[in-house]
Amino acid sequence: LGALVASSGDDVAARRSRATRDALFRGRTIIDSVRDTALAADNARRAFDAKEGERKTQELLLETRIPRELEPPPGHLRDGGPRHDNDHTDFRAIRVLPTADEVMCHVP
């Protein structure tokens, strides 16, 4: 009988140990998931901030490099806004071949 009670106590302890281990594993899985989500959100924010910062830097550089009295700045930097659909602040976005809107544009 003593061996049976000891064996039963060992089984209870083993089950508690497994239950604790399983609960810790589930908790760790949740924590990892939350951490991964937070890291992804932070990376997305940083990418957005970098892109937005790059755009603002380019606009600032263009504003300071081009004397407004000599040549109006491109795209949204121009007081009246873009002249046509191929008038971009970022020169890398300008298409090589002129668009129909660009050809028909009367604004210098």
Protein backbone atom coordinates (compact mmCIF):
# COMPACT_ATOMS: atom_id res chain seq x y z
CA LEU A 1 0.00 0.00 0.00
CA GLY A 2 2.85 2.38 0.83
CA ALA A 3 4.37 1.83 -2.63
CA LEU A 4 0.99 2.51 -4.25
CA VAL A 5 0.60 5.82 -2.36
CA ALA A 6 4.16 6.84 -3.27
CA SER A 7 3.55 5.89 -6.87
CA SER A 8 0.28 7.84 -6.91
CA GLY A 9 2.06 10.88 -5.44
CA ASP A 10 4.76 10.63 -8.07
CA ASP A 11 2.10 10.50 -10.82
CA VAL A 12 0.40 13.60 -9.44
CA ALA A 13 3.73 15.42 -9.26
CA ALA A 14 4.59 14.34 -12.80
CA ARG A 15 1.21 15.52 -14.10
CA ARG A 16 1.61 18.85 -12.32
CA SER A 17 5.09 19.18 -13.75
CA ARG A 18 3.82 18.45 -17.27
CA ALA A 19 0.88 20.85 -16.84
CA THR A 20 3.25 23.55 -15.61
CA ARG A 21 5.63 22.90 -18.49
CA ASP A 22 2.74 23.02 -21.01
CA ALA A 23 1.40 26.25 -19.51
CA LEU A 24 4.85 27.83 -19.63
CA PHE A 25 5.26 26.70 -23.24
CA ARG A 26 1.87 28.21 -24.21
CA GLY A 27 2.76 31.42 -22.39
CA ARG A 28 6.11 31.58 -24.13
CA THR A 29 4.42 31.02 -27.49
CA ILE A 30 2.05 33.93 -26.81
CA ILE A 31 4.93 36.15 -25.69
CA ASP A 32 6.91 35.27 -28.84
CA SER A 33 3.88 36.05 -31.00
CA VAL A 34 3.36 39.43 -29.33
CA ARG A 35 7.07 40.22 -29.63
CA ASP A 36 7.10 39.30 -33.34
CA THR A 37 4.04 41.48 -33.96
CA ALA A 38 5.61 44.40 -32.12
CA LEU A 39 8.86 44.02 -34.06
CA ALA A 40 6.98 43.89 -37.37
CA ALA A 41 5.03 47.04 -36.45
CA ASP A 42 8.23 48.80 -35.39
CA ASN A 43 9.98 47.82 -38.64
CA ALA A 44 7.00 49.08 -40.66
CA ARG A 45 7.05 52.38 -38.75
CA ARG A 46 10.77 52.77 -39.31
CA ALA A 47 10.43 52.04 -43.04
CA PHE A 48 7.62 54.60 -43.29
CA ASP A 49 9.63 57.18 -41.32
CA ALA A 50 12.69 56.57 -43.51
CA LYS A 51 10.68 56.94 -46.72
CA GLU A 52 8.89 60.04 -45.43
CA GLY A 53 12.19 61.51 -44.22
CA GLU A 54 13.81 60.83 -47.58
CA ARG A 55 10.93 62.58 -49.38
CA LYS A 56 11.13 65.60 -47.08
CA THR A 57 14.90 65.77 -47.49
CA GLN A 58 14.61 65.67 -51.27
CA GLU A 59 11.98 68.42 -51.23
CA LEU A 60 14.14 70.55 -48.94
CA LEU A 61 17.21 70.04 -51.13
CA LEU A 62 15.27 70.92 -54.26
CA GLU A 63 13.80 74.00 -52.60
CA THR A 64 17.25 75.26 -51.63
CA ARG A 65 19.04 74.37 -54.88
CA ILE A 66 16.66 75.83 -57.46
CA PRO A 67 16.29 79.61 -57.37
CA ARG A 68 12.54 80.17 -57.82
CA GLU A 69 13.08 83.26 -59.98
CA LEU A 70 15.18 81.30 -62.52
CA GLU A 71 13.20 78.08 -62.81
CA PRO A 72 10.08 76.88 -61.05
CA PRO A 73 10.70 73.78 -58.96
CA PRO A 74 9.26 70.46 -60.08
CA GLY A 75 6.17 68.63 -58.89
CA HIS A 76 4.51 69.55 -55.61
CA LEU A 77 7.29 72.05 -54.79
CA ARG A 78 5.90 74.41 -57.44
CA ASP A 79 3.48 77.01 -56.03
CA GLY A 80 0.71 75.91 -58.40
CA GLY A 81 1.43 72.21 -57.96
CA PRO A 82 2.56 69.80 -60.68
CA ARG A 83 2.26 71.08 -64.24
CA HIS A 84 1.32 67.68 -65.69
CA ASP A 85 1.24 63.96 -64.81
CA ASN A 86 4.97 63.55 -65.45
CA ASP A 87 6.08 66.49 -63.27
CA HIS A 88 7.51 64.84 -60.14
CA THR A 89 9.53 66.17 -57.24
CA ASP A 90 11.73 63.06 -57.36
CA PHE A 91 13.54 63.03 -60.70
CA ARG A 92 13.72 59.23 -60.59
CA ALA A 93 9.92 59.05 -60.99
CA ILE A 94 9.93 61.03 -64.26
CA ARG A 95 9.27 58.89 -67.33
CA VAL A 96 11.79 59.29 -70.15
CA LEU A 97 9.22 59.51 -72.93
CA PRO A 98 6.84 62.46 -72.49
CA THR A 99 3.24 61.65 -71.65
CA ALA A 100 0.27 63.05 -73.59
CA ASP A 101 -0.53 65.30 -70.62
CA GLU A 102 3.04 66.61 -70.65
CA VAL A 103 2.98 67.28 -74.41
CA MET A 104 -0.35 69.16 -74.14
CA CYS A 105 0.77 71.21 -71.13
CA HIS A 106 0.90 74.99 -71.71
CA VAL A 107 2.60 75.84 -68.41
CA PRO A 108 6.35 76.36 -68.87
